[in-house]
Amino acid sequence: MSALVVLPTYQEAENIREVLGRIREAVSDADVLVVDDGSPDGTADLAEKEAAERGQIEVLRRTSKSGLGPAYRAGFAWGLERGYDVLIEMDADLQHDPAVLPLLIEAVGPGGADLAIGSRYVPGGAVPGWPRNRRLISKWGNRYIGLMLRMPVRDATAGFRAYRADILRTVGIDGVRADGYGFQIEMAYQVSRAGGSIVEIPITFRDRRLGVSKMSPDIVVEAFRLVTRWGIRDRLDRLRRRSG
């Protein structure tokens, strides 16, 4: 199965060469697409240098920072147009260990799942170094998502995943509009609604060593608002069907 790792970047000059090197070591037969949102620190230039040295790396330059969701949609569309069987998403900040990539790809291989999620909240998963309040907020946030959307996924906000290309075509990535955490939740939600199978692979999620986090309160608020809206809509739809 042909696999493409989609790697969105913005201001990741400190990490980009290391993460690309580790991806190529972990999955030498996979290709990598760096989707750069106009990083002013030269991230795209460094990625292109790495591509020239290592091969099997492409760089998709975008003109401005437009968010995680649009970057992944652009990267997935690029991969689907070129016929890849598996499309993988991961962060460029080394919080996601590239050594886990073979497990994610294997999980969506022949006879496997439609979506494999690198999960912090299944047995064997961990978030070392996180303070207790951060772990509780993240865990309870994911429980709220599962309750509202009736989705048996423990880590719906995780951004380390592998999708079968067929399920992305079924879902229709152009119709997925959320950003940040909301994008990850919406993708898992749409896969579940489409009848796709989802598995979770335990991972250890570490804080970034270099660079600056792009997370903001607005992204968290967006996710909470969308989940609540989708959950209420689904309940109303079920009531209408019963009454009709």
Protein backbone atom coordinates (compact mmCIF):
# COMPACT_ATOMS: atom_id res chain seq x y z
CA MET A 1 0.00 0.00 0.00
CA SER A 2 1.36 3.42 -0.92
CA ALA A 3 1.45 5.85 2.00
CA LEU A 4 1.78 9.62 2.23
CA VAL A 5 2.64 11.46 5.44
CA VAL A 6 1.05 14.92 5.40
CA LEU A 7 3.02 17.32 7.59
CA PRO A 8 1.55 20.82 8.08
CA THR A 9 4.09 23.43 9.13
CA TYR A 10 4.22 27.00 10.27
CA GLN A 11 7.41 28.36 11.84
CA GLU A 12 9.00 24.93 12.39
CA ALA A 13 12.52 25.72 11.18
CA GLU A 14 13.97 24.36 14.43
CA ASN A 15 12.28 20.98 14.00
CA ILE A 16 11.73 20.36 10.30
CA ARG A 17 14.98 18.65 9.33
CA GLU A 18 14.95 16.34 12.34
CA VAL A 19 11.32 15.31 11.93
CA LEU A 20 11.77 14.65 8.21
CA GLY A 21 14.88 12.58 8.89
CA ARG A 22 13.10 10.51 11.53
CA ILE A 23 10.06 9.96 9.30
CA ARG A 24 12.27 8.72 6.46
CA GLU A 25 14.07 6.36 8.88
CA ALA A 26 10.79 5.00 10.30
CA VAL A 27 8.99 4.46 6.96
CA SER A 28 11.51 4.53 4.16
CA ASP A 29 8.95 3.43 1.58
CA ALA A 30 6.44 6.21 2.41
CA ASP A 31 6.42 9.67 0.85
CA VAL A 32 6.13 12.93 2.77
CA LEU A 33 4.27 16.10 1.85
CA VAL A 34 5.19 19.22 3.81
CA VAL A 35 2.30 21.71 3.67
CA ASP A 36 3.79 25.04 4.68
CA ASP A 37 1.58 28.05 5.41
CA GLY A 38 4.05 30.73 4.35
CA SER A 39 6.42 30.34 7.32
CA PRO A 40 8.57 33.49 7.59
CA ASP A 41 11.36 31.52 9.30
CA GLY A 42 12.32 29.56 6.17
CA THR A 43 10.70 26.25 7.11
CA ALA A 44 9.74 25.51 3.49
CA ASP A 45 13.25 26.28 2.24
CA LEU A 46 14.76 23.87 4.77
CA ALA A 47 12.21 21.20 3.82
CA GLU A 48 13.15 21.57 0.15
CA LYS A 49 16.83 21.17 1.00
CA GLU A 50 15.99 18.01 2.89
CA ALA A 51 13.94 16.81 -0.08
CA ALA A 52 16.89 17.32 -2.40
CA GLU A 53 19.14 15.32 -0.09
CA ARG A 54 16.80 12.48 0.84
CA GLY A 55 14.14 12.27 -1.88
CA GLN A 56 10.51 11.14 -1.47
CA ILE A 57 9.66 14.52 0.08
CA GLU A 58 7.52 17.19 -1.57
CA VAL A 59 6.76 20.71 -0.36
CA LEU A 60 3.40 22.37 -0.94
CA ARG A 61 3.81 26.10 -0.35
CA ARG A 62 0.74 28.08 0.72
CA THR A 63 0.78 31.84 0.78
CA SER A 64 -0.46 32.51 4.32
CA LYS A 65 -1.30 30.93 7.66
CA SER A 66 -4.86 29.63 7.35
CA GLY A 67 -5.00 26.92 10.01
CA LEU A 68 -4.60 23.22 10.50
CA GLY A 69 -7.85 22.12 8.86
CA PRO A 70 -7.24 23.88 5.52
CA ALA A 71 -3.64 22.61 5.48
CA TYR A 72 -4.75 19.00 5.94
CA ARG A 73 -7.53 19.34 3.37
CA ALA A 74 -5.00 20.64 0.85
CA GLY A 75 -2.56 17.84 1.69
CA PHE A 76 -5.18 15.10 1.55
CA ALA A 77 -6.50 16.42 -1.78
CA TRP A 78 -2.94 16.38 -3.14
CA GLY A 79 -2.47 12.78 -2.02
CA LEU A 80 -5.84 11.55 -3.27
CA GLU A 81 -5.19 13.07 -6.69
CA ARG A 82 -1.97 11.06 -6.87
CA GLY A 83 -3.55 7.77 -5.87
CA TYR A 84 -2.06 7.06 -2.44
CA ASP A 85 -3.76 4.25 -0.51
CA VAL A 86 -3.05 5.61 2.99
CA LEU A 87 -2.82 9.22 4.15
CA ILE A 88 -1.24 10.01 7.49
CA GLU A 89 -1.39 13.18 9.53
CA MET A 90 1.08 14.18 12.23
CA ASP A 91 2.60 17.27 13.80
CA ALA A 92 6.01 18.61 12.85
CA ASP A 93 7.00 19.46 16.42
CA LEU A 94 8.17 15.93 17.41
CA GLN A 95 5.37 15.48 19.95
CA HIS A 96 4.35 12.58 17.71
CA ASP A 97 7.05 9.91 17.58
CA PRO A 98 7.72 8.90 13.94
CA ALA A 99 8.64 5.42 15.17
CA VAL A 100 4.90 4.76 15.61
CA LEU A 101 4.19 5.31 11.90
CA PRO A 102 4.60 1.64 10.88
CA LEU A 103 1.99 0.63 13.49
CA LEU A 104 -0.53 3.17 12.20
CA ILE A 105 0.01 2.12 8.59
CA GLU A 106 -0.28 -1.56 9.48
CA ALA A 107 -3.55 -0.88 11.35
CA VAL A 108 -5.21 0.42 8.15
CA GLY A 109 -3.64 -2.21 5.93
CA PRO A 110 -5.52 -5.01 4.13
CA GLY A 111 -8.35 -6.23 6.34
CA GLY A 112 -7.70 -3.44 8.84
CA ALA A 113 -9.51 -0.32 9.98
CA ASP A 114 -10.53 2.74 7.99
CA LEU A 115 -8.94 5.09 10.53
CA ALA A 116 -6.15 4.42 13.05
CA ILE A 117 -5.64 7.02 15.77
CA GLY A 118 -2.48 7.38 17.84
CA SER A 119 -4.19 7.61 21.21
CA ARG A 120 -3.05 8.97 24.56
CA TYR A 121 -6.04 7.54 26.43
CA VAL A 122 -6.11 3.83 25.70
CA PRO A 123 -4.09 1.36 27.79
CA GLY A 124 -0.42 1.91 27.04
CA GLY A 125 -0.88 5.56 26.05
CA ALA A 126 0.73 8.30 28.13
CA VAL A 127 1.28 12.05 28.43
CA PRO A 128 4.43 12.30 30.57
CA GLY A 129 5.11 15.67 32.10
CA TRP A 130 1.56 16.97 31.86
CA PRO A 131 0.21 18.57 35.05
CA ARG A 132 -2.87 16.92 36.55
CA ASN A 133 -5.24 19.74 35.55
CA ARG A 134 -4.17 19.54 31.90
CA ARG A 135 -4.69 15.76 31.81
CA LEU A 136 -8.13 16.10 33.39
CA ILE A 137 -9.25 18.82 30.98
CA SER A 138 -8.11 16.78 27.98
CA LYS A 139 -9.56 13.48 29.21
CA TRP A 140 -12.91 14.96 30.26
CA GLY A 141 -13.09 16.94 27.04
CA ASN A 142 -12.74 13.71 25.10
CA ARG A 143 -15.39 12.04 27.27
CA TYR A 144 -17.74 14.91 26.51
CA ILE A 145 -17.07 14.41 22.79
CA GLY A 146 -17.82 10.69 23.06
CA LEU A 147 -21.03 11.34 24.99
CA MET A 148 -22.36 14.08 22.71
CA LEU A 149 -21.47 12.35 19.44
CA ARG A 150 -22.02 8.75 20.57
CA MET A 151 -18.60 7.94 19.20
CA PRO A 152 -16.52 5.17 20.85
CA VAL A 153 -13.19 6.99 20.53
CA ARG A 154 -11.18 7.87 23.62
CA ASP A 155 -8.88 10.39 21.97
CA ALA A 156 -10.91 12.18 19.31
CA THR A 157 -8.70 15.29 19.49
CA ALA A 158 -5.50 13.38 18.66
CA GLY A 159 -3.67 14.58 15.56
CA PHE A 160 -1.54 11.50 14.85
CA ARG A 161 -3.56 9.31 12.47
CA ALA A 162 -3.69 7.14 9.38
CA TYR A 163 -6.69 7.06 7.04
CA ARG A 164 -7.54 4.74 4.21
CA ALA A 165 -7.91 6.82 1.07
CA ASP A 166 -11.28 5.21 0.38
CA ILE A 167 -12.80 6.50 3.63
CA LEU A 168 -11.58 10.03 2.85
CA ARG A 169 -13.33 9.83 -0.51
CA THR A 170 -16.49 8.55 1.18
CA VAL A 171 -16.46 11.30 3.81
CA GLY A 172 -15.64 14.02 1.29
CA ILE A 173 -12.88 16.17 2.76
CA ASP A 174 -14.14 19.33 1.07
CA GLY A 175 -17.17 19.24 3.35
CA VAL A 176 -15.08 19.17 6.54
CA ARG A 177 -14.79 22.77 7.69
CA ALA A 178 -13.51 22.77 11.27
CA ASP A 179 -9.98 23.78 12.28
CA GLY A 180 -7.61 22.80 15.10
CA TYR A 181 -9.05 20.24 17.53
CA GLY A 182 -12.36 20.68 15.75
CA PHE A 183 -10.88 19.28 12.53
CA GLN A 184 -9.64 16.14 14.26
CA ILE A 185 -13.00 15.63 15.98
CA GLU A 186 -15.01 16.26 12.82
CA MET A 187 -12.93 13.83 10.78
CA ALA A 188 -13.37 11.01 13.32
CA TYR A 189 -17.07 11.88 13.62
CA GLN A 190 -17.59 11.77 9.86
CA VAL A 191 -15.72 8.46 9.54
CA SER A 192 -17.93 7.02 12.29
CA ARG A 193 -21.12 8.37 10.68
CA ALA A 194 -20.09 6.86 7.35
CA GLY A 195 -19.83 3.43 8.98
CA GLY A 196 -16.04 3.36 8.93
CA SER A 197 -14.10 1.34 11.48
CA ILE A 198 -11.78 3.14 13.91
CA VAL A 199 -8.97 1.70 16.04
CA GLU A 200 -6.74 3.42 18.58
CA ILE A 201 -3.04 2.67 18.90
CA PRO A 202 -1.40 3.69 22.21
CA ILE A 203 1.23 6.41 21.95
CA THR A 204 3.36 8.49 24.29
CA PHE A 205 2.69 12.17 23.62
CA ARG A 206 5.49 14.47 24.75
CA ASP A 207 5.68 18.25 25.00
CA ARG A 208 7.57 19.98 22.20
CA ARG A 209 11.27 20.64 22.83
CA LEU A 210 11.75 23.44 20.29
CA GLY A 211 9.57 26.10 18.71
CA VAL A 212 6.32 27.62 19.92
CA SER A 213 2.92 25.94 20.29
CA LYS A 214 0.24 27.11 17.84
CA MET A 215 -2.60 26.14 20.19
CA SER A 216 -4.93 28.94 21.29
CA PRO A 217 -8.09 29.23 23.43
CA ASP A 218 -10.08 30.03 20.27
CA ILE A 219 -9.32 26.57 18.87
CA VAL A 220 -10.59 24.89 22.06
CA VAL A 221 -13.73 27.04 22.10
CA GLU A 222 -14.40 26.22 18.44
CA ALA A 223 -14.17 22.49 19.17
CA PHE A 224 -16.51 22.68 22.18
CA ARG A 225 -19.05 24.74 20.22
CA LEU A 226 -19.02 22.41 17.23
CA VAL A 227 -19.34 19.23 19.30
CA THR A 228 -22.28 20.68 21.21
CA ARG A 229 -23.99 21.77 17.99
CA TRP A 230 -23.46 18.41 16.27
CA GLY A 231 -24.64 16.49 19.33
CA ILE A 232 -27.84 18.54 19.67
CA ARG A 233 -28.50 18.26 15.94
CA ASP A 234 -28.13 14.48 16.03
CA ARG A 235 -30.51 14.19 18.98
CA LEU A 236 -33.11 16.36 17.27
CA ASP A 237 -32.78 14.30 14.09
CA ARG A 238 -33.40 11.10 16.05
CA LEU A 239 -36.47 12.63 17.73
CA ARG A 240 -37.87 13.70 14.37
CA ARG A 241 -37.40 10.23 12.93
CA ARG A 242 -39.15 8.64 15.91
CA SER A 243 -42.06 11.07 15.80
CA GLY A 244 -42.39 10.74 12.02
